[in-house]
Amino acid sequence: MKTKIIIADDHLLFTDGVEQILNSVPNFEVVAKAANGKLLMQALNVITPDLVLLDINMPFMNGLEAAKKIKQRLPEVKIVFLSMYFDNKVIATAKEDGVKGFLLKDITAPLLKEKIILIANGGTSFDFPFQHEQTAPTWQQDSFANELKLSAREIEIIKLIKLGMSSKQISTALFLSTYTIETHRKNIYRKLNIQGIAGLIQFANEHNI
């Protein structure tokens, strides 16, 4: 019996990459992909997966809302968040609601496979890389991004730069070309009127990104 998986994320290239990674695992099968929470719920009308891997920040219906609805309708389905947004309160609430895992998007492909296999076999996995920090919840991040005219992708890239990742490493993590990442970096520096990585990291720390 194969473990049937649905992926819900509005970054389509990222979703395609995760699909390839998971389909390379024996007995794993990605049976559907959804670009937002509403489409995910529609897919669940016709498909009952074993596991749903979903982002928190999605249009129309975010991952937190979708997770609650899934647990109400299909309590046996395992739910795992895969997100760039980290918030201790959100994770605590997710655990109370029966979510089986929270993974950050900068995870490597081998580790992603390892953790999803663990969860599919009845385990749990929650990444807590910033326990000493309190990152702003998703809705605050969105408001902040809108104020500075930063896109969600640019916020993601700032977070990865803050982690010390190079453009090549970021391109691998987000399944984008290095040229695309470099273009995003230039746009970020221009929008924020910042020069150099040190200035960007200082800005990110000051604004709790």
Protein backbone atom coordinates (compact mmCIF):
# COMPACT_ATOMS: atom_id res chain seq x y z
CA MET A 1 0.00 0.00 0.00
CA LYS A 2 1.39 3.38 -1.00
CA THR A 3 1.27 6.42 1.29
CA LYS A 4 -0.87 8.94 -0.57
CA ILE A 5 0.21 12.57 -0.16
CA ILE A 6 -1.35 15.90 -1.11
CA ILE A 7 0.85 19.02 -1.24
CA ALA A 8 -0.72 22.47 -0.75
CA ASP A 9 1.47 25.50 -1.47
CA ASP A 10 1.00 28.56 -3.67
CA HIS A 11 4.64 28.48 -4.88
CA LEU A 12 4.17 26.14 -7.81
CA LEU A 13 7.84 25.57 -8.65
CA PHE A 14 8.53 24.72 -5.03
CA THR A 15 5.58 22.33 -5.01
CA ASP A 16 6.86 20.59 -8.14
CA GLY A 17 10.25 20.15 -6.50
CA VAL A 18 8.78 18.68 -3.31
CA GLU A 19 6.64 16.36 -5.42
CA GLN A 20 9.74 15.01 -7.17
CA ILE A 21 11.50 14.50 -3.85
CA LEU A 22 8.60 12.62 -2.26
CA ASN A 23 7.83 10.53 -5.34
CA SER A 24 11.43 9.28 -5.21
CA VAL A 25 10.63 7.57 -1.89
CA PRO A 26 9.43 3.96 -2.31
CA ASN A 27 5.75 3.58 -1.38
CA PHE A 28 5.16 7.36 -1.48
CA GLU A 29 2.83 8.85 -4.08
CA VAL A 30 1.83 12.50 -4.47
CA VAL A 31 -1.78 12.16 -5.60
CA ALA A 32 -2.68 15.86 -5.83
CA LYS A 33 -1.33 19.40 -5.51
CA ALA A 34 -3.28 22.51 -4.51
CA ALA A 35 -2.29 26.17 -4.81
CA ASN A 36 -4.38 27.33 -1.83
CA GLY A 37 -6.50 26.10 1.04
CA LYS A 38 -9.78 26.25 -0.87
CA LEU A 39 -8.46 24.09 -3.70
CA LEU A 40 -7.07 21.69 -1.11
CA MET A 41 -10.50 21.25 0.49
CA GLN A 42 -12.00 20.66 -2.96
CA ALA A 43 -9.41 17.98 -3.65
CA LEU A 44 -10.30 16.30 -0.35
CA ASN A 45 -13.87 15.92 -1.60
CA VAL A 46 -12.67 13.31 -4.08
CA ILE A 47 -9.36 12.08 -2.63
CA THR A 48 -8.61 10.87 0.89
CA PRO A 49 -4.84 10.99 1.39
CA ASP A 50 -2.78 9.52 4.20
CA LEU A 51 -0.84 12.75 4.66
CA VAL A 52 -1.22 16.42 3.75
CA LEU A 53 1.86 18.62 3.47
CA LEU A 54 0.84 22.27 3.49
CA ASP A 55 2.21 25.79 3.76
CA ILE A 56 0.84 28.16 6.40
CA ASN A 57 0.75 31.29 4.25
CA MET A 58 -1.61 30.66 1.32
CA PRO A 59 -4.30 32.78 -0.35
CA PHE A 60 -8.07 32.34 0.12
CA MET A 61 -7.62 29.94 3.06
CA ASN A 62 -4.37 29.70 5.00
CA GLY A 63 -2.82 26.49 6.24
CA LEU A 64 -4.00 26.93 9.83
CA GLU A 65 -7.63 27.21 8.75
CA ALA A 66 -7.24 24.31 6.32
CA ALA A 67 -5.69 22.11 9.00
CA LYS A 68 -8.62 22.67 11.36
CA LYS A 69 -11.12 21.81 8.63
CA ILE A 70 -9.18 18.68 7.65
CA LYS A 71 -9.10 17.47 11.26
CA GLN A 72 -12.85 18.01 11.55
CA ARG A 73 -13.65 16.13 8.33
CA LEU A 74 -10.83 13.59 8.15
CA PRO A 75 -9.28 13.15 11.60
CA GLU A 76 -7.21 10.16 10.49
CA VAL A 77 -5.26 12.20 7.91
CA LYS A 78 -1.77 13.21 9.06
CA ILE A 79 -0.99 16.93 8.64
CA VAL A 80 2.48 18.44 8.29
CA PHE A 81 3.27 22.14 7.91
CA LEU A 82 6.14 23.08 5.57
CA SER A 83 6.69 26.81 5.90
CA MET A 84 9.13 29.72 6.06
CA TYR A 85 7.15 31.31 8.89
CA PHE A 86 8.11 30.30 12.41
CA ASP A 87 6.03 31.15 15.47
CA ASN A 88 6.07 29.27 18.78
CA LYS A 89 2.39 29.96 19.50
CA VAL A 90 1.33 28.73 16.07
CA ILE A 91 3.30 25.51 16.52
CA ALA A 92 1.89 24.97 20.01
CA THR A 93 -1.64 25.41 18.67
CA ALA A 94 -0.90 23.08 15.75
CA LYS A 95 0.31 20.36 18.14
CA GLU A 96 -2.84 20.75 20.24
CA ASP A 97 -4.91 20.37 17.05
CA GLY A 98 -3.18 17.09 16.22
CA VAL A 99 -0.77 18.28 13.53
CA LYS A 100 2.06 15.74 13.22
CA GLY A 101 4.91 17.97 12.08
CA PHE A 102 6.27 21.44 11.38
CA LEU A 103 9.22 21.70 8.98
CA LEU A 104 10.99 24.76 7.64
CA LYS A 105 11.36 25.23 3.89
CA ASP A 106 15.12 25.46 4.09
CA ILE A 107 15.21 21.75 4.91
CA THR A 108 17.40 19.57 2.68
CA ALA A 109 15.84 16.97 0.39
CA PRO A 110 17.31 13.96 2.28
CA LEU A 111 16.13 15.32 5.62
CA LEU A 112 12.68 16.10 4.23
CA LYS A 113 12.34 12.49 3.08
CA GLU A 114 13.57 11.20 6.43
CA LYS A 115 11.10 13.29 8.42
CA ILE A 116 8.10 12.54 6.20
CA ILE A 117 8.87 8.83 6.39
CA LEU A 118 9.00 9.15 10.19
CA ILE A 119 5.65 10.93 10.30
CA ALA A 120 4.02 8.54 7.82
CA ASN A 121 5.06 5.68 10.12
CA GLY A 122 3.34 7.24 13.11
CA GLY A 123 5.99 9.61 14.48
CA THR A 124 6.09 13.39 14.82
CA SER A 125 8.67 16.03 13.91
CA PHE A 126 8.71 19.68 14.92
CA ASP A 127 11.61 21.96 13.96
CA PHE A 128 12.43 24.60 16.59
CA PRO A 129 15.49 26.41 15.19
CA PHE A 130 14.68 29.77 16.76
CA GLN A 131 13.31 28.91 20.20
CA HIS A 132 15.04 31.97 21.62
CA GLU A 133 13.30 34.27 19.13
CA GLN A 134 9.68 35.22 18.69
CA THR A 135 9.04 35.67 15.01
CA ALA A 136 6.00 37.70 14.01
CA PRO A 137 2.94 35.60 13.06
CA THR A 138 2.04 35.17 9.42
CA TRP A 139 -0.50 37.99 9.27
CA GLN A 140 1.98 40.46 10.77
CA GLN A 141 4.64 39.37 8.28
CA ASP A 142 2.20 39.93 5.44
CA SER A 143 1.33 43.44 6.68
CA PHE A 144 4.99 44.28 7.10
CA ALA A 145 5.80 42.95 3.63
CA ASN A 146 3.02 45.02 2.09
CA GLU A 147 4.21 48.16 3.87
CA LEU A 148 7.72 47.76 2.43
CA LYS A 149 6.41 46.48 -0.91
CA LEU A 150 8.26 43.21 -0.42
CA SER A 151 6.85 40.07 -1.95
CA ALA A 152 6.40 36.85 0.04
CA ARG A 153 9.25 35.37 -2.01
CA GLU A 154 11.54 38.26 -1.07
CA ILE A 155 10.71 37.75 2.62
CA GLU A 156 11.63 34.07 2.18
CA ILE A 157 14.95 34.99 0.60
CA ILE A 158 15.77 37.48 3.36
CA LYS A 159 15.19 34.73 5.93
CA LEU A 160 17.51 32.36 4.06
CA ILE A 161 20.20 35.03 3.67
CA LYS A 162 19.94 35.61 7.42
CA LEU A 163 20.62 31.89 7.91
CA GLY A 164 23.89 32.38 6.02
CA MET A 165 22.85 30.66 2.80
CA SER A 166 24.48 31.62 -0.50
CA SER A 167 22.49 32.42 -3.65
CA LYS A 168 23.29 28.93 -4.97
CA GLN A 169 22.06 27.28 -1.76
CA ILE A 170 18.91 29.40 -1.80
CA SER A 171 18.25 28.51 -5.44
CA THR A 172 18.48 24.82 -4.54
CA ALA A 173 16.19 25.18 -1.51
CA LEU A 174 13.53 27.11 -3.47
CA PHE A 175 13.97 25.24 -6.76
CA LEU A 176 14.77 28.46 -8.64
CA SER A 177 17.73 29.45 -10.80
CA THR A 178 20.70 31.25 -9.24
CA TYR A 179 20.06 34.11 -11.67
CA THR A 180 16.50 34.47 -10.31
CA ILE A 181 17.77 34.56 -6.73
CA GLU A 182 20.39 37.18 -7.62
CA THR A 183 17.67 39.29 -9.26
CA HIS A 184 15.52 39.03 -6.13
CA ARG A 185 18.50 40.06 -3.98
CA LYS A 186 19.11 43.15 -6.10
CA ASN A 187 15.43 44.09 -5.85
CA ILE A 188 15.49 43.63 -2.06
CA TYR A 189 18.53 45.89 -1.68
CA ARG A 190 16.91 48.50 -3.94
CA LYS A 191 13.55 48.48 -2.15
CA LEU A 192 15.11 48.70 1.31
CA ASN A 193 17.89 51.08 0.22
CA ILE A 194 20.46 48.76 1.79
CA GLN A 195 23.92 47.81 0.57
CA GLY A 196 25.59 44.53 1.49
CA ILE A 197 24.66 41.43 3.45
CA ALA A 198 25.63 42.93 6.82
CA GLY A 199 23.16 45.77 6.34
CA LEU A 200 20.43 43.38 5.26
CA ILE A 201 20.97 41.09 8.26
CA GLN A 202 20.92 44.09 10.60
CA PHE A 203 17.64 45.24 9.00
CA ALA A 204 16.16 41.72 9.35
CA ASN A 205 17.11 41.55 13.01
CA GLU A 206 15.72 45.00 13.75
CA HIS A 207 12.40 44.11 12.10
CA ASN A 208 12.21 40.53 13.45
CA ILE A 209 12.27 38.87 10.04
